[in-house]
Amino acid sequence: MDPATIQQIAAEVVARLPYGDRLWLVLVVNAIIAALIGALVVLGTSYLRTRAQNLATKHDFDELQKQLKANTELVETIKSEVGQKDWATRERTTLRRIKLEALLEKMHDCDEYLVQHRNRFLEGKGTDPDQRDYLNELNAMGSLYFSELEDEIRRFYLSGKKQMSLGLELAQALGSAGNDMAARESAYDTFRRNWLERYDEHLEARSALTVAARSLLVSIMDVEEGSRSETPTETH
């Protein structure tokens, strides 16, 4: 009930009373009306304050919900990116490990390749045009995947090519000797002596590449495992 209505009711009540009673009653009614109006004002103010607080609380809640959603999306994005990086690191490690094992197998193929050509040279034959060049394959693999082994691979590659060059020199010497048996025997002796010297160099290059390749393999595997298990230590 609003203040105007209360005052109207009070006026009606006072108008119906005898005149002698009206003065003090007017004062009482006015006091009551003032008290009621004050109470209504207090109640209205309290209601409006409570309403405003509720609206503010709802607004804050909505904002918190939005922030929570945004933070959740950010966390998921970061987790996804980290997962992709971990996956890429694992894939790269696996690829390099496989290629490194293939490189060691290619070294064995190179050794077989050189032995086969040495026998062909001793038989007076040239290089086999249909034979795969394992030395070039090994060199290409090293260039693509293992810059860390550049020096060792070059040394191994060049030692193999030097042996192949000896075969070409033998073929030229035999061609020049013709049917001169002494000249042919001298060409063979020179070839065998130089081949053994080059072969010793090749064995040293092979050993150096093997050691470096195995060390790299350990390093590759330890990097991945270490990156996952490494934790800071406290000092006392």
Protein backbone atom coordinates (compact mmCIF):
# COMPACT_ATOMS: atom_id res chain seq x y z
CA MET A 1 0.00 0.00 0.00
CA ASP A 2 1.55 3.34 -1.08
CA PRO A 3 1.82 6.45 1.22
CA ALA A 4 -0.89 8.43 -0.67
CA THR A 5 -3.45 5.71 -0.06
CA ILE A 6 -2.53 5.56 3.64
CA GLN A 7 -2.95 9.31 3.99
CA GLN A 8 -6.34 9.17 2.25
CA ILE A 9 -7.57 6.48 4.65
CA ALA A 10 -6.30 8.44 7.62
CA ALA A 11 -8.07 11.58 6.40
CA GLU A 12 -11.34 9.70 6.07
CA VAL A 13 -10.97 8.29 9.58
CA VAL A 14 -10.30 11.73 11.05
CA ALA A 15 -13.20 13.34 9.15
CA ARG A 16 -15.68 10.92 10.70
CA LEU A 17 -14.58 11.58 14.28
CA PRO A 18 -16.06 14.29 16.51
CA TYR A 19 -14.31 17.63 16.20
CA GLY A 20 -12.83 17.56 19.71
CA ASP A 21 -11.01 14.36 19.06
CA ARG A 22 -9.71 15.38 15.68
CA LEU A 23 -6.64 17.40 16.71
CA TRP A 24 -4.84 14.81 18.76
CA LEU A 25 -5.92 12.10 16.35
CA VAL A 26 -4.53 14.06 13.43
CA LEU A 27 -1.19 14.18 15.19
CA VAL A 28 -1.30 10.45 15.94
CA VAL A 29 -2.34 9.58 12.40
CA ASN A 30 0.37 11.79 10.94
CA ALA A 31 2.93 10.12 13.19
CA ILE A 32 1.74 6.71 12.09
CA ILE A 33 1.82 7.79 8.46
CA ALA A 34 5.36 9.12 8.86
CA ALA A 35 6.44 5.87 10.48
CA LEU A 36 4.82 3.84 7.72
CA ILE A 37 6.40 5.97 5.04
CA GLY A 38 9.79 5.60 6.73
CA ALA A 39 9.34 1.86 6.95
CA LEU A 40 8.36 1.70 3.29
CA VAL A 41 11.39 3.76 2.31
CA VAL A 42 13.68 1.47 4.33
CA LEU A 43 12.08 -1.63 2.85
CA GLY A 44 12.27 -0.20 -0.66
CA THR A 45 15.88 0.79 -0.24
CA SER A 46 16.75 -2.63 1.17
CA TYR A 47 14.93 -4.33 -1.70
CA LEU A 48 16.65 -2.24 -4.31
CA ARG A 49 20.04 -2.85 -2.67
CA THR A 50 19.40 -6.59 -2.53
CA ARG A 51 18.21 -6.58 -6.14
CA ALA A 52 21.29 -4.68 -7.24
CA GLN A 53 23.54 -7.09 -5.34
CA ASN A 54 21.81 -10.07 -6.96
CA LEU A 55 22.22 -8.54 -10.40
CA ALA A 56 25.88 -7.77 -9.70
CA THR A 57 26.44 -11.29 -8.38
CA LYS A 58 24.83 -12.78 -11.50
CA HIS A 59 26.95 -10.53 -13.71
CA ASP A 60 30.12 -11.56 -11.82
CA PHE A 61 29.11 -15.21 -12.10
CA ASP A 62 28.59 -14.87 -15.83
CA GLU A 63 31.99 -13.20 -16.18
CA LEU A 64 33.63 -15.94 -14.15
CA GLN A 65 31.97 -18.54 -16.36
CA LYS A 66 33.32 -16.82 -19.46
CA GLN A 67 36.82 -16.60 -17.97
CA LEU A 68 36.70 -20.24 -16.92
CA LYS A 69 35.67 -21.29 -20.42
CA ALA A 70 38.42 -19.17 -21.98
CA ASN A 71 41.03 -20.58 -19.56
CA THR A 72 39.87 -24.13 -20.24
CA GLU A 73 40.15 -23.59 -23.99
CA LEU A 74 43.62 -22.08 -23.53
CA VAL A 75 44.77 -25.03 -21.43
CA GLU A 76 43.44 -27.51 -24.01
CA THR A 77 45.19 -25.60 -26.79
CA ILE A 78 48.49 -25.62 -24.90
CA LYS A 79 48.11 -29.34 -24.13
CA SER A 80 47.43 -30.03 -27.79
CA GLU A 81 50.46 -28.03 -28.92
CA VAL A 82 52.71 -29.71 -26.37
CA GLY A 83 51.36 -33.10 -27.43
CA GLN A 84 52.11 -32.30 -31.06
CA LYS A 85 55.66 -31.26 -30.17
CA ASP A 86 56.19 -34.43 -28.14
CA TRP A 87 54.84 -36.49 -31.03
CA ALA A 88 57.10 -34.71 -33.52
CA THR A 89 60.11 -35.23 -31.25
CA ARG A 90 59.37 -38.93 -30.88
CA GLU A 91 58.86 -39.33 -34.62
CA ARG A 92 62.12 -37.54 -35.39
CA THR A 93 63.98 -39.63 -32.85
CA THR A 94 62.53 -42.83 -34.29
CA LEU A 95 63.39 -41.80 -37.84
CA ARG A 96 66.97 -40.92 -36.98
CA ARG A 97 67.41 -44.16 -35.06
CA ILE A 98 66.13 -46.20 -38.02
CA LYS A 99 68.30 -44.28 -40.49
CA LEU A 100 71.34 -44.66 -38.26
CA GLU A 101 70.85 -48.42 -38.14
CA ALA A 102 70.48 -48.38 -41.93
CA LEU A 103 73.72 -46.39 -42.16
CA LEU A 104 75.60 -49.09 -40.25
CA GLU A 105 74.14 -51.73 -42.58
CA LYS A 106 75.18 -49.61 -45.56
CA MET A 107 78.75 -49.65 -44.27
CA HIS A 108 78.70 -53.44 -44.48
CA ASP A 109 77.32 -53.23 -48.02
CA CYS A 110 80.18 -50.90 -48.93
CA ASP A 111 82.74 -53.39 -47.65
CA GLU A 112 81.18 -56.17 -49.74
CA TYR A 113 81.06 -53.81 -52.70
CA LEU A 114 84.78 -53.04 -52.43
CA VAL A 115 85.75 -56.72 -52.06
CA GLN A 116 83.74 -57.67 -55.15
CA HIS A 117 85.43 -54.97 -57.23
CA ARG A 118 88.88 -55.91 -55.96
CA ASN A 119 88.31 -59.45 -57.22
CA ARG A 120 87.09 -58.13 -60.55
CA PHE A 121 90.19 -55.96 -60.88
CA LEU A 122 92.47 -58.92 -60.12
CA GLU A 123 90.69 -60.85 -62.84
CA GLY A 124 91.46 -58.05 -65.26
CA LYS A 125 87.87 -56.81 -65.34
CA GLY A 126 86.63 -53.29 -64.87
CA THR A 127 83.84 -52.00 -62.70
CA ASP A 128 80.39 -53.57 -63.00
CA PRO A 129 78.05 -50.95 -64.53
CA ASP A 130 75.00 -52.76 -63.12
CA GLN A 131 76.35 -52.84 -59.58
CA ARG A 132 74.83 -50.40 -57.09
CA ASP A 133 77.26 -47.79 -55.81
CA TYR A 134 76.88 -48.29 -52.07
CA LEU A 135 79.52 -45.68 -51.31
CA ASN A 136 77.45 -42.95 -52.95
CA GLU A 137 74.31 -44.20 -51.19
CA LEU A 138 76.01 -44.03 -47.81
CA ASN A 139 77.34 -40.55 -48.52
CA ALA A 140 73.88 -39.32 -49.56
CA MET A 141 72.27 -40.81 -46.44
CA GLY A 142 74.80 -39.07 -44.23
CA SER A 143 74.21 -35.72 -45.93
CA LEU A 144 70.45 -36.00 -45.47
CA TYR A 145 70.22 -37.20 -41.88
CA PHE A 146 73.53 -37.00 -40.02
CA SER A 147 75.44 -33.77 -40.23
CA GLU A 148 77.05 -34.80 -36.90
CA LEU A 149 78.88 -37.61 -38.74
CA GLU A 150 80.01 -35.51 -41.69
CA ASP A 151 83.76 -35.92 -41.08
CA GLU A 152 83.63 -39.66 -40.39
CA ILE A 153 81.39 -40.37 -43.39
CA ARG A 154 83.60 -38.33 -45.74
CA ARG A 155 86.67 -40.18 -44.51
CA PHE A 156 85.02 -43.57 -45.05
CA TYR A 157 83.66 -42.53 -48.46
CA LEU A 158 87.02 -41.23 -49.72
CA SER A 159 88.89 -44.31 -48.51
CA GLY A 160 86.50 -46.49 -50.53
CA LYS A 161 86.84 -44.30 -53.62
CA LYS A 162 90.62 -44.52 -53.39
CA GLN A 163 90.37 -48.30 -53.57
CA MET A 164 88.14 -47.99 -56.65
CA SER A 165 90.71 -45.65 -58.23
CA LEU A 166 93.39 -48.31 -57.77
CA GLY A 167 91.26 -50.66 -59.86
CA LEU A 168 91.09 -48.16 -62.69
CA GLU A 169 94.88 -47.67 -62.49
CA LEU A 170 95.33 -51.44 -62.70
CA ALA A 171 93.09 -51.62 -65.77
CA GLN A 172 95.16 -48.89 -67.47
CA ALA A 173 98.46 -50.60 -66.54
CA LEU A 174 97.27 -53.95 -67.87
CA GLY A 175 96.11 -52.27 -71.07
CA SER A 176 99.51 -50.69 -71.49
CA ALA A 177 101.35 -53.97 -70.72
CA GLY A 178 99.50 -55.92 -73.38
CA ASN A 179 101.06 -59.41 -73.58
CA ASP A 180 104.16 -58.41 -71.63
CA MET A 181 103.89 -60.83 -68.72
CA ALA A 182 106.56 -59.10 -66.67
CA ALA A 183 104.79 -55.74 -67.03
CA ARG A 184 101.48 -57.30 -66.16
CA GLU A 185 102.92 -58.99 -63.07
CA SER A 186 104.46 -55.69 -62.01
CA ALA A 187 101.06 -53.99 -62.41
CA TYR A 188 99.44 -56.62 -60.22
CA ASP A 189 102.14 -56.30 -57.55
CA THR A 190 101.70 -52.53 -57.47
CA PHE A 191 97.93 -52.93 -57.23
CA ARG A 192 98.10 -55.41 -54.34
CA ARG A 193 100.61 -53.32 -52.39
CA ASN A 194 98.64 -50.10 -52.78
CA TRP A 195 95.35 -51.88 -52.15
CA LEU A 196 96.56 -53.23 -48.81
CA GLU A 197 97.71 -49.75 -47.80
CA ARG A 198 94.38 -48.21 -48.81
CA TYR A 199 92.51 -51.05 -47.15
CA ASP A 200 94.20 -50.35 -43.81
CA GLU A 201 93.12 -46.71 -44.14
CA HIS A 202 89.63 -47.91 -44.93
CA LEU A 203 89.50 -50.10 -41.82
CA GLU A 204 90.52 -47.13 -39.66
CA ALA A 205 87.86 -44.94 -41.29
CA ARG A 206 85.28 -47.69 -40.83
CA SER A 207 86.14 -48.03 -37.13
CA ALA A 208 85.92 -44.27 -36.58
CA LEU A 209 82.52 -44.07 -38.29
CA THR A 210 81.20 -47.05 -36.32
CA VAL A 211 82.22 -45.53 -32.98
CA ALA A 212 80.76 -42.12 -33.91
CA ALA A 213 77.51 -43.67 -35.16
CA ARG A 214 77.00 -45.69 -32.00
CA SER A 215 77.77 -42.67 -29.84
CA LEU A 216 75.21 -40.65 -31.79
CA LEU A 217 72.63 -43.39 -31.35
CA VAL A 218 73.10 -43.32 -27.57
CA SER A 219 72.88 -39.53 -27.62
CA ILE A 220 69.66 -39.55 -29.64
CA MET A 221 67.94 -42.01 -27.31
CA ASP A 222 69.22 -40.33 -24.13
CA VAL A 223 67.98 -36.92 -25.25
CA GLU A 224 64.39 -38.13 -25.51
CA GLU A 225 64.47 -40.14 -22.29
CA GLY A 226 66.31 -37.37 -20.43
CA SER A 227 63.84 -34.72 -21.51
CA ARG A 228 61.01 -36.71 -19.89
CA SER A 229 62.71 -37.88 -16.68
CA GLU A 230 64.98 -34.94 -15.87
CA THR A 231 63.86 -33.15 -12.70
CA PRO A 232 65.55 -30.38 -10.72
CA THR A 233 67.48 -31.48 -7.63
CA GLU A 234 67.62 -29.61 -4.37
CA THR A 235 70.93 -28.64 -2.85
CA HIS A 236 71.42 -28.56 0.87
